[in-house]
N, C-alpha and C. Protein backbone atom coordinates (compact mmCIF):
# COMPACT_ATOMS: atom_id res chain seq x y z
N MET A 1 0.85 -1.19 0.00
CA MET A 1 0.00 0.00 0.00
C MET A 1 0.89 1.24 0.00
N ALA A 2 0.50 2.21 -0.79
CA ALA A 2 1.22 3.48 -0.83
C ALA A 2 0.99 4.24 0.46
N ARG A 3 1.86 5.16 0.74
CA ARG A 3 1.76 5.93 1.98
C ARG A 3 0.45 6.73 2.04
N SER A 4 0.02 7.25 0.90
CA SER A 4 -1.18 8.09 0.90
C SER A 4 -2.47 7.29 0.83
N GLY A 5 -2.43 6.09 0.27
CA GLY A 5 -3.63 5.28 0.15
C GLY A 5 -3.52 4.33 -1.02
N GLN A 6 -4.67 3.79 -1.43
CA GLN A 6 -4.67 2.77 -2.46
C GLN A 6 -5.96 2.85 -3.27
N TYR A 7 -5.86 2.50 -4.57
CA TYR A 7 -7.04 2.42 -5.43
C TYR A 7 -7.58 1.00 -5.40
N PHE A 8 -8.91 0.88 -5.34
CA PHE A 8 -9.58 -0.41 -5.36
C PHE A 8 -10.58 -0.44 -6.49
N GLN A 9 -10.53 -1.49 -7.30
CA GLN A 9 -11.49 -1.67 -8.39
C GLN A 9 -12.87 -1.94 -7.79
N GLN A 10 -13.87 -1.23 -8.27
CA GLN A 10 -15.23 -1.39 -7.78
C GLN A 10 -16.02 -2.30 -8.72
N PRO A 11 -17.05 -2.96 -8.21
CA PRO A 11 -17.85 -3.86 -9.04
C PRO A 11 -18.48 -3.17 -10.25
N THR A 12 -18.74 -1.87 -10.14
CA THR A 12 -19.38 -1.15 -11.24
C THR A 12 -18.38 -0.66 -12.30
N GLY A 13 -17.08 -0.94 -12.10
CA GLY A 13 -16.09 -0.64 -13.13
C GLY A 13 -15.14 0.50 -12.83
N TYR A 14 -15.45 1.37 -11.90
CA TYR A 14 -14.55 2.48 -11.62
C TYR A 14 -13.61 2.10 -10.48
N LYS A 15 -12.57 2.93 -10.29
CA LYS A 15 -11.63 2.72 -9.19
C LYS A 15 -11.91 3.75 -8.11
N ALA A 16 -11.89 3.32 -6.87
CA ALA A 16 -12.10 4.22 -5.73
C ALA A 16 -10.79 4.34 -4.96
N PHE A 17 -10.43 5.57 -4.60
CA PHE A 17 -9.23 5.79 -3.80
C PHE A 17 -9.60 5.74 -2.33
N ILE A 18 -8.95 4.86 -1.58
CA ILE A 18 -9.17 4.74 -0.16
C ILE A 18 -7.91 5.24 0.54
N PRO A 19 -7.99 6.35 1.27
CA PRO A 19 -6.79 6.90 1.91
C PRO A 19 -6.32 6.02 3.07
N SER A 20 -5.03 6.09 3.35
CA SER A 20 -4.46 5.40 4.50
C SER A 20 -4.93 6.07 5.78
N ALA A 21 -4.84 5.35 6.87
CA ALA A 21 -5.24 5.88 8.17
C ALA A 21 -4.30 7.02 8.59
N LEU A 22 -4.83 7.92 9.37
CA LEU A 22 -4.03 9.01 9.93
C LEU A 22 -3.79 8.75 11.40
N PRO A 23 -2.72 9.21 11.96
CA PRO A 23 -1.59 9.91 11.36
C PRO A 23 -0.70 8.94 10.59
N PRO A 24 0.02 9.45 9.57
CA PRO A 24 0.88 8.58 8.77
C PRO A 24 2.08 8.09 9.57
N LEU A 25 2.54 6.92 9.18
CA LEU A 25 3.76 6.37 9.77
C LEU A 25 4.75 6.14 8.65
N PRO A 26 5.95 6.64 8.70
CA PRO A 26 6.48 7.55 9.72
C PRO A 26 5.84 8.93 9.59
N PRO A 27 5.89 9.71 10.65
CA PRO A 27 5.25 11.04 10.62
C PRO A 27 5.86 11.94 9.55
N VAL A 28 5.07 12.88 9.08
CA VAL A 28 5.53 13.86 8.10
C VAL A 28 6.51 14.80 8.79
N ARG A 29 7.66 15.01 8.13
CA ARG A 29 8.66 15.94 8.68
C ARG A 29 8.47 17.29 8.01
N LEU A 30 8.29 18.32 8.78
CA LEU A 30 8.10 19.67 8.25
C LEU A 30 9.39 20.45 8.43
N ASP A 31 10.32 20.28 7.48
CA ASP A 31 11.57 21.01 7.55
C ASP A 31 11.43 22.34 6.80
N GLU A 32 12.52 23.08 6.71
CA GLU A 32 12.48 24.42 6.11
C GLU A 32 12.06 24.38 4.64
N SER A 33 12.49 23.36 3.89
CA SER A 33 12.13 23.31 2.47
C SER A 33 10.62 23.07 2.30
N ILE A 34 10.03 22.27 3.16
CA ILE A 34 8.57 22.04 3.10
C ILE A 34 7.83 23.32 3.45
N HIS A 35 8.31 24.04 4.48
CA HIS A 35 7.67 25.30 4.85
C HIS A 35 7.72 26.29 3.69
N GLN A 36 8.83 26.31 2.96
CA GLN A 36 8.94 27.23 1.82
C GLN A 36 7.97 26.83 0.71
N LEU A 37 7.87 25.54 0.42
CA LEU A 37 6.93 25.07 -0.60
C LEU A 37 5.49 25.39 -0.21
N LEU A 38 5.14 25.19 1.05
CA LEU A 38 3.79 25.51 1.51
C LEU A 38 3.51 27.01 1.41
N SER A 39 4.50 27.81 1.73
CA SER A 39 4.34 29.26 1.63
C SER A 39 4.15 29.67 0.17
N ASP A 40 4.95 29.10 -0.74
CA ASP A 40 4.81 29.41 -2.16
C ASP A 40 3.44 28.99 -2.69
N ALA A 41 2.98 27.82 -2.27
CA ALA A 41 1.66 27.34 -2.70
C ALA A 41 0.56 28.26 -2.18
N ASN A 42 0.68 28.71 -0.95
CA ASN A 42 -0.32 29.61 -0.37
C ASN A 42 -0.37 30.92 -1.14
N ILE A 43 0.77 31.45 -1.53
CA ILE A 43 0.82 32.69 -2.32
C ILE A 43 0.18 32.46 -3.69
N ALA A 44 0.48 31.31 -4.32
CA ALA A 44 -0.09 31.01 -5.63
C ALA A 44 -1.61 30.90 -5.57
N ILE A 45 -2.12 30.25 -4.54
CA ILE A 45 -3.57 30.12 -4.39
C ILE A 45 -4.19 31.49 -4.14
N GLY A 46 -3.52 32.30 -3.33
CA GLY A 46 -4.01 33.65 -3.07
C GLY A 46 -4.09 34.49 -4.33
N SER A 47 -3.19 34.25 -5.29
CA SER A 47 -3.21 35.03 -6.53
C SER A 47 -4.40 34.68 -7.40
N LEU A 48 -5.08 33.57 -7.12
CA LEU A 48 -6.26 33.18 -7.89
C LEU A 48 -7.54 33.86 -7.41
N ILE A 49 -7.52 34.47 -6.24
CA ILE A 49 -8.73 35.06 -5.66
C ILE A 49 -9.39 36.08 -6.59
N PRO A 50 -8.64 36.99 -7.22
CA PRO A 50 -9.32 37.93 -8.13
C PRO A 50 -10.06 37.23 -9.27
N TRP A 51 -9.54 36.14 -9.77
CA TRP A 51 -10.19 35.40 -10.85
C TRP A 51 -11.47 34.75 -10.36
N VAL A 52 -11.46 34.25 -9.16
CA VAL A 52 -12.65 33.57 -8.62
C VAL A 52 -13.79 34.56 -8.43
N THR A 53 -13.46 35.77 -7.98
CA THR A 53 -14.52 36.75 -7.72
C THR A 53 -15.14 37.32 -8.99
N CYS A 54 -14.45 37.23 -10.12
CA CYS A 54 -15.02 37.79 -11.35
C CYS A 54 -15.68 36.73 -12.24
N CYS A 55 -15.48 35.46 -11.94
CA CYS A 55 -16.07 34.39 -12.76
C CYS A 55 -17.45 34.01 -12.23
N PRO A 56 -18.38 33.76 -13.14
CA PRO A 56 -19.70 33.34 -12.67
C PRO A 56 -19.64 31.91 -12.10
N THR A 57 -20.53 31.63 -11.18
CA THR A 57 -20.54 30.29 -10.58
C THR A 57 -21.56 29.40 -11.26
């Protein structure tokens, strides 16, 4: 099984993703490089806010 979870074939033909139990083993290490990636991702998501407010739902 992968760390994040596993796909299972369903009787109706599609695959369902079943996540692994939390907390993960071994635990996630949040070092400086991960903090920087999370910060960059947060800034990128924030830059999408103007687009979301002008697009119809």
